[in-house]
Every structure is written in structure tokens, then in C-alpha cells.
């Protein structure tokens, strides 16, 4: 890795061979549609996002997702919607079923009636 560079592998697919496998290569235009895939160390796709050229990507969200997937892999915990590093996680199990709202109380949550 280059100092200050991205700490995970990225690639470019000028010929569209990989894009064809993932279903994002536009044969007619000869280019890949913007696609982002988070692939874990076992080669399993954990997340993907495909955008048209008119819509930009959110790098902060990509980094948040990578950190969340790394945390899940290391701990087995689940990340609630909008989770940020350092915030509470959920520990999956039978005791959590139907009670997520008791454990995870985001600041903007509506009141349960």
C-alpha cells in the first residue's frame, strides 16, 4: 500500500470484463455503469451500489459501510440502521427478537405507542 493510500484493494475495468460478470457493463456504450461492490475476504459480496452517471457517490457512506462490515466480521454483532463507529451495536439472539427498539434508541426515533 502507498502511504496515505486506500487501505483496501480497488480496481479499474477498462475492458468491461469484470463489469460484465457483475452485470454493470453497458455493451452499447462500451463502459461500465458506476458500480461499487464491497467484497469480504472470503470473496462474498456484502454490499453493492449501482448509480447512473448523473448521480454522484458518497465516499463517507462507503467508508462507514466498510467499517461496519469489518466490525460485524470481527464481533458477530449487528449494525443498526445509520450505525457509526463507536455507537452501540446489537448482539443477535433470541432475546433481541421483537425488542430491537428497547436496545437501539437512536436520537431521532419516534416514540413507541
N, C-alpha and C. Protein backbone atom coordinates (compact mmCIF):
# COMPACT_ATOMS: atom_id res chain seq x y z
N UNK A 1 0.84 -1.18 0.00
CA UNK A 1 0.00 0.00 0.00
C UNK A 1 0.89 1.25 0.00
N UNK A 2 0.49 2.23 -0.72
CA UNK A 2 1.18 3.51 -0.76
C UNK A 2 0.80 4.30 0.49
N UNK A 3 1.76 4.90 1.20
CA UNK A 3 1.42 5.70 2.38
C UNK A 3 0.34 6.74 2.04
N UNK A 4 -0.70 6.78 2.87
CA UNK A 4 -1.80 7.70 2.64
C UNK A 4 -2.80 7.20 1.62
N UNK A 5 -2.56 6.03 1.04
CA UNK A 5 -3.47 5.47 0.04
C UNK A 5 -4.64 4.74 0.66
N UNK A 6 -5.45 4.15 -0.17
CA UNK A 6 -6.62 3.40 0.26
C UNK A 6 -6.15 2.07 0.86
N UNK A 7 -6.61 1.73 2.08
CA UNK A 7 -6.11 0.53 2.75
C UNK A 7 -6.81 -0.77 2.35
N UNK A 8 -7.43 -0.78 1.17
CA UNK A 8 -8.07 -2.00 0.68
C UNK A 8 -7.98 -2.00 -0.83
N UNK A 9 -8.06 -3.20 -1.45
CA UNK A 9 -7.89 -3.28 -2.90
C UNK A 9 -9.03 -2.61 -3.68
N UNK A 10 -8.66 -1.93 -4.73
CA UNK A 10 -9.61 -1.35 -5.67
C UNK A 10 -9.11 -1.71 -7.06
N UNK A 11 -9.99 -1.64 -8.05
CA UNK A 11 -9.54 -1.95 -9.40
C UNK A 11 -10.24 -1.10 -10.43
N UNK A 12 -9.69 -1.10 -11.60
CA UNK A 12 -10.28 -0.43 -12.75
C UNK A 12 -10.56 -1.51 -13.79
N UNK A 13 -11.59 -1.33 -14.59
CA UNK A 13 -12.01 -2.35 -15.54
C UNK A 13 -12.25 -1.74 -16.92
N UNK A 14 -11.17 -1.24 -17.51
CA UNK A 14 -11.28 -0.53 -18.79
C UNK A 14 -11.91 -1.37 -19.89
N UNK A 15 -11.70 -2.67 -19.91
CA UNK A 15 -12.25 -3.51 -20.96
C UNK A 15 -13.65 -4.03 -20.70
N UNK A 16 -14.16 -3.83 -19.49
CA UNK A 16 -15.52 -4.26 -19.17
C UNK A 16 -15.68 -5.73 -18.85
N UNK A 17 -14.57 -6.45 -18.73
CA UNK A 17 -14.68 -7.90 -18.47
C UNK A 17 -15.28 -8.17 -17.09
N UNK A 18 -14.82 -7.45 -16.09
CA UNK A 18 -15.34 -7.65 -14.74
C UNK A 18 -16.76 -7.08 -14.65
N UNK A 19 -16.98 -5.93 -15.24
CA UNK A 19 -18.32 -5.32 -15.24
C UNK A 19 -19.36 -6.23 -15.86
N UNK A 20 -18.98 -6.98 -16.87
CA UNK A 20 -19.91 -7.93 -17.49
C UNK A 20 -20.31 -9.02 -16.51
N UNK A 21 -19.35 -9.51 -15.73
CA UNK A 21 -19.63 -10.55 -14.73
C UNK A 21 -20.61 -10.03 -13.68
N UNK A 22 -20.44 -8.78 -13.26
CA UNK A 22 -21.29 -8.19 -12.23
C UNK A 22 -22.55 -7.52 -12.79
N UNK A 23 -22.73 -7.56 -14.10
CA UNK A 23 -23.94 -7.03 -14.71
C UNK A 23 -24.01 -5.52 -14.80
N UNK A 24 -22.87 -4.84 -14.82
CA UNK A 24 -22.89 -3.38 -14.89
C UNK A 24 -22.22 -2.84 -16.15
N UNK A 25 -21.81 -3.72 -17.06
CA UNK A 25 -21.16 -3.25 -18.28
C UNK A 25 -22.21 -2.93 -19.34
N UNK A 26 -22.14 -1.72 -19.88
CA UNK A 26 -23.04 -1.27 -20.95
C UNK A 26 -22.32 -1.55 -22.27
N UNK A 27 -22.69 -2.65 -22.91
CA UNK A 27 -22.04 -3.07 -24.16
C UNK A 27 -22.12 -1.99 -25.23
N UNK A 28 -23.29 -1.40 -25.39
CA UNK A 28 -23.51 -0.40 -26.43
C UNK A 28 -22.58 0.81 -26.27
N UNK A 29 -22.46 1.30 -25.04
CA UNK A 29 -21.61 2.46 -24.78
C UNK A 29 -20.15 2.05 -24.59
N UNK A 30 -19.89 0.77 -24.31
CA UNK A 30 -18.53 0.29 -24.11
C UNK A 30 -17.92 0.71 -22.78
N UNK A 31 -18.78 0.97 -21.80
CA UNK A 31 -18.30 1.38 -20.48
C UNK A 31 -19.09 0.66 -19.38
N UNK A 32 -18.51 0.66 -18.19
CA UNK A 32 -19.24 0.15 -17.03
C UNK A 32 -20.08 1.28 -16.44
N UNK A 33 -21.27 0.94 -15.97
CA UNK A 33 -22.07 1.87 -15.19
C UNK A 33 -21.38 1.97 -13.84
N UNK A 34 -21.51 3.11 -13.17
CA UNK A 34 -20.87 3.26 -11.86
C UNK A 34 -21.36 2.18 -10.91
N UNK A 35 -20.45 1.36 -10.48
CA UNK A 35 -20.81 0.31 -9.55
C UNK A 35 -19.78 0.20 -8.45
N UNK A 36 -20.26 -0.07 -7.25
CA UNK A 36 -19.39 -0.26 -6.09
C UNK A 36 -19.80 -1.55 -5.41
N UNK A 37 -18.83 -2.41 -5.19
CA UNK A 37 -19.07 -3.69 -4.55
C UNK A 37 -18.14 -3.83 -3.37
N UNK A 38 -18.67 -4.18 -2.21
CA UNK A 38 -17.84 -4.47 -1.05
C UNK A 38 -17.81 -5.99 -0.95
N UNK A 39 -16.61 -6.53 -1.12
CA UNK A 39 -16.42 -7.98 -1.15
C UNK A 39 -15.56 -8.36 0.05
N UNK A 40 -16.04 -9.31 0.84
CA UNK A 40 -15.30 -9.68 2.05
C UNK A 40 -14.09 -10.55 1.71
N UNK A 41 -13.24 -10.84 2.69
CA UNK A 41 -12.03 -11.63 2.43
C UNK A 41 -12.32 -13.04 1.90
N UNK A 42 -13.55 -13.53 2.10
CA UNK A 42 -13.93 -14.84 1.58
C UNK A 42 -14.45 -14.77 0.15
N UNK A 43 -14.49 -13.56 -0.44
CA UNK A 43 -14.96 -13.40 -1.80
C UNK A 43 -16.47 -13.25 -1.92
N UNK A 44 -17.16 -13.01 -0.81
CA UNK A 44 -18.62 -12.87 -0.81
C UNK A 44 -18.98 -11.38 -0.89
N UNK A 45 -19.87 -11.05 -1.82
CA UNK A 45 -20.33 -9.67 -1.94
C UNK A 45 -21.21 -9.36 -0.73
N UNK A 46 -20.81 -8.36 0.04
CA UNK A 46 -21.57 -7.95 1.21
C UNK A 46 -22.47 -6.75 0.91
N UNK A 47 -22.09 -5.93 -0.07
CA UNK A 47 -22.89 -4.75 -0.43
C UNK A 47 -22.57 -4.37 -1.86
N UNK A 48 -23.55 -3.76 -2.50
CA UNK A 48 -23.30 -3.23 -3.84
C UNK A 48 -24.19 -2.02 -4.06
N UNK A 49 -23.71 -1.14 -4.90
CA UNK A 49 -24.46 0.07 -5.24
C UNK A 49 -24.17 0.37 -6.70
N UNK A 50 -25.21 0.59 -7.48
CA UNK A 50 -25.05 0.91 -8.89
C UNK A 50 -25.79 2.23 -9.14
N UNK A 51 -25.06 3.20 -9.68
CA UNK A 51 -25.63 4.52 -9.91
C UNK A 51 -25.49 4.92 -11.37
N UNK A 52 -26.42 5.72 -11.85
CA UNK A 52 -26.29 6.27 -13.19
C UNK A 52 -25.25 7.40 -13.14
N UNK A 53 -24.67 7.75 -14.26
CA UNK A 53 -23.63 8.79 -14.26
C UNK A 53 -24.08 10.13 -13.69
N UNK A 54 -25.37 10.40 -13.71
CA UNK A 54 -25.87 11.69 -13.23
C UNK A 54 -25.86 11.81 -11.70
N UNK A 55 -25.66 10.71 -10.99
CA UNK A 55 -25.70 10.73 -9.53
C UNK A 55 -24.32 10.40 -8.97
N UNK A 56 -23.84 11.26 -8.10
CA UNK A 56 -22.52 11.06 -7.51
C UNK A 56 -22.54 10.05 -6.38
N UNK A 57 -21.35 9.57 -6.04
CA UNK A 57 -21.21 8.60 -4.96
C UNK A 57 -20.88 9.29 -3.65
N UNK A 58 -21.21 8.64 -2.54
CA UNK A 58 -20.96 9.19 -1.22
C UNK A 58 -19.82 8.41 -0.58
N UNK A 59 -18.62 8.97 -0.61
CA UNK A 59 -17.44 8.29 -0.09
C UNK A 59 -17.55 8.06 1.41
N UNK A 60 -18.12 9.01 2.16
CA UNK A 60 -18.28 8.84 3.61
C UNK A 60 -19.15 7.63 3.91
N UNK A 61 -20.19 7.42 3.13
CA UNK A 61 -21.07 6.25 3.34
C UNK A 61 -20.33 4.97 2.99
N UNK A 62 -19.54 4.97 1.95
CA UNK A 62 -18.73 3.80 1.61
C UNK A 62 -17.80 3.43 2.77
N UNK A 63 -17.12 4.41 3.32
CA UNK A 63 -16.20 4.16 4.43
C UNK A 63 -16.95 3.65 5.66
N UNK A 64 -18.13 4.25 5.94
CA UNK A 64 -18.95 3.79 7.06
C UNK A 64 -19.34 2.33 6.88
N UNK A 65 -19.74 1.96 5.67
CA UNK A 65 -20.14 0.58 5.41
C UNK A 65 -18.96 -0.38 5.55
N UNK A 66 -17.80 -0.01 5.03
CA UNK A 66 -16.62 -0.88 5.16
C UNK A 66 -16.31 -1.10 6.64
N UNK A 67 -16.33 -0.03 7.44
CA UNK A 67 -16.07 -0.16 8.87
C UNK A 67 -17.12 -1.04 9.54
N UNK A 68 -18.39 -0.88 9.14
CA UNK A 68 -19.46 -1.69 9.72
C UNK A 68 -19.26 -3.17 9.38
N UNK A 69 -18.95 -3.48 8.14
CA UNK A 69 -18.72 -4.88 7.75
C UNK A 69 -17.51 -5.46 8.47
N UNK A 70 -16.47 -4.67 8.65
CA UNK A 70 -15.30 -5.13 9.39
C UNK A 70 -15.67 -5.43 10.84
N UNK A 71 -16.48 -4.57 11.44
CA UNK A 71 -16.90 -4.77 12.83
C UNK A 71 -17.78 -6.02 12.96
N UNK A 72 -18.70 -6.20 12.04
CA UNK A 72 -19.55 -7.39 12.05
C UNK A 72 -18.69 -8.65 11.96
N UNK A 73 -17.74 -8.63 11.06
CA UNK A 73 -16.88 -9.80 10.86
C UNK A 73 -16.05 -10.10 12.10
N UNK A 74 -15.58 -9.07 12.78
CA UNK A 74 -14.74 -9.26 13.95
C UNK A 74 -15.52 -9.66 15.21
N UNK A 75 -16.77 -9.19 15.32
CA UNK A 75 -17.51 -9.38 16.57
C UNK A 75 -18.76 -10.24 16.46
N UNK A 76 -19.33 -10.35 15.25
CA UNK A 76 -20.60 -11.05 15.09
C UNK A 76 -21.79 -10.20 15.48
N UNK A 77 -21.53 -8.96 15.89
CA UNK A 77 -22.62 -8.06 16.25
C UNK A 77 -23.28 -7.51 14.99
N UNK A 78 -24.48 -6.99 15.13
CA UNK A 78 -25.22 -6.41 14.00
C UNK A 78 -25.20 -4.90 14.12
N UNK A 79 -25.19 -4.25 12.97
CA UNK A 79 -25.17 -2.80 12.93
C UNK A 79 -26.57 -2.28 12.64
N UNK A 80 -27.14 -1.51 13.55
CA UNK A 80 -28.45 -0.92 13.27
C UNK A 80 -28.35 0.11 12.13
N UNK A 81 -29.49 0.48 11.60
CA UNK A 81 -29.54 1.47 10.53
C UNK A 81 -28.85 2.75 10.97
N UNK A 82 -27.99 3.28 10.12
CA UNK A 82 -27.30 4.52 10.40
C UNK A 82 -26.15 4.40 11.39
N UNK A 83 -25.76 3.18 11.73
CA UNK A 83 -24.69 2.97 12.70
C UNK A 83 -23.44 3.73 12.30
N UNK A 84 -22.77 4.29 13.30
CA UNK A 84 -21.49 4.96 13.10
C UNK A 84 -20.47 4.32 14.05
N UNK A 85 -19.20 4.26 13.66
CA UNK A 85 -18.18 3.69 14.55
C UNK A 85 -18.25 4.33 15.94
N UNK A 86 -18.17 3.48 16.96
CA UNK A 86 -18.24 3.94 18.34
C UNK A 86 -19.64 3.95 18.92
N UNK A 87 -20.65 3.83 18.09
CA UNK A 87 -22.04 3.82 18.55
C UNK A 87 -22.44 2.39 18.94
N UNK A 88 -23.54 2.24 19.69
CA UNK A 88 -23.97 0.90 20.11
C UNK A 88 -24.28 -0.03 18.93
N UNK A 89 -24.02 -1.30 19.15
CA UNK A 89 -24.35 -2.33 18.17
C UNK A 89 -25.40 -3.25 18.79
N UNK A 90 -25.86 -4.20 18.03
CA UNK A 90 -26.84 -5.18 18.51
C UNK A 90 -26.19 -6.54 18.55
N UNK A 91 -26.45 -7.28 19.58
CA UNK A 91 -25.94 -8.64 19.71
C UNK A 91 -27.08 -9.59 19.37
N UNK A 92 -27.04 -10.19 18.16
CA UNK A 92 -28.15 -11.04 17.72
C UNK A 92 -28.39 -12.20 18.68
N UNK A 93 -29.64 -12.58 18.80
CA UNK A 93 -30.01 -13.72 19.62
C UNK A 93 -31.50 -13.71 19.89
N UNK A 94 -32.03 -14.80 20.44
CA UNK A 94 -33.47 -14.90 20.69
C UNK A 94 -33.99 -13.80 21.61
N UNK A 95 -33.18 -13.33 22.55
CA UNK A 95 -33.63 -12.28 23.48
C UNK A 95 -33.85 -10.94 22.80
N UNK A 96 -33.31 -10.77 21.61
CA UNK A 96 -33.43 -9.49 20.89
C UNK A 96 -34.67 -9.44 20.01
N UNK A 97 -35.21 -10.59 19.66
CA UNK A 97 -36.35 -10.64 18.74
C UNK A 97 -37.52 -9.83 19.29
N UNK A 98 -37.99 -8.88 18.49
CA UNK A 98 -39.12 -8.04 18.87
C UNK A 98 -38.77 -6.95 19.88
N UNK A 99 -37.51 -6.84 20.25
CA UNK A 99 -37.13 -5.86 21.27
C UNK A 99 -36.00 -4.95 20.80
N UNK A 100 -35.76 -4.90 19.51
CA UNK A 100 -34.67 -4.07 19.00
C UNK A 100 -34.86 -2.62 19.47
N UNK A 101 -36.08 -2.14 19.47
CA UNK A 101 -36.35 -0.75 19.86
C UNK A 101 -35.94 -0.48 21.30
N UNK A 102 -35.93 -1.51 22.18
CA UNK A 102 -35.51 -1.31 23.56
C UNK A 102 -33.98 -1.17 23.66
N UNK A 103 -33.28 -1.84 22.78
CA UNK A 103 -31.82 -1.84 22.81
C UNK A 103 -31.26 -0.67 22.02
N UNK A 104 -31.82 -0.44 20.86
CA UNK A 104 -31.31 0.59 19.95
C UNK A 104 -32.28 1.76 19.97
N UNK A 105 -31.85 2.86 20.54
CA UNK A 105 -32.71 4.04 20.65
C UNK A 105 -32.03 5.22 20.00
N UNK A 106 -32.09 5.30 18.68
CA UNK A 106 -31.46 6.45 18.02
C UNK A 106 -32.09 7.76 18.49
N UNK A 107 -31.31 8.81 18.48
CA UNK A 107 -31.77 10.12 18.96
C UNK A 107 -33.04 10.60 18.28
N UNK A 108 -33.22 10.27 17.01
CA UNK A 108 -34.36 10.77 16.25
C UNK A 108 -35.52 9.77 16.18
N UNK A 109 -35.50 8.73 16.99
CA UNK A 109 -36.53 7.69 16.91
C UNK A 109 -37.88 8.25 17.36
N UNK A 110 -38.93 7.72 16.77
CA UNK A 110 -40.27 8.12 17.19
C UNK A 110 -40.62 7.33 18.44
N UNK A 111 -41.56 7.83 19.21
CA UNK A 111 -41.95 7.17 20.44
C UNK A 111 -42.85 5.99 20.14
N UNK A 112 -42.58 4.85 20.73
CA UNK A 112 -43.38 3.64 20.53
C UNK A 112 -44.65 3.77 21.34
N UNK A 113 -45.78 3.44 20.70
CA UNK A 113 -47.07 3.51 21.41
C UNK A 113 -47.62 2.16 21.68
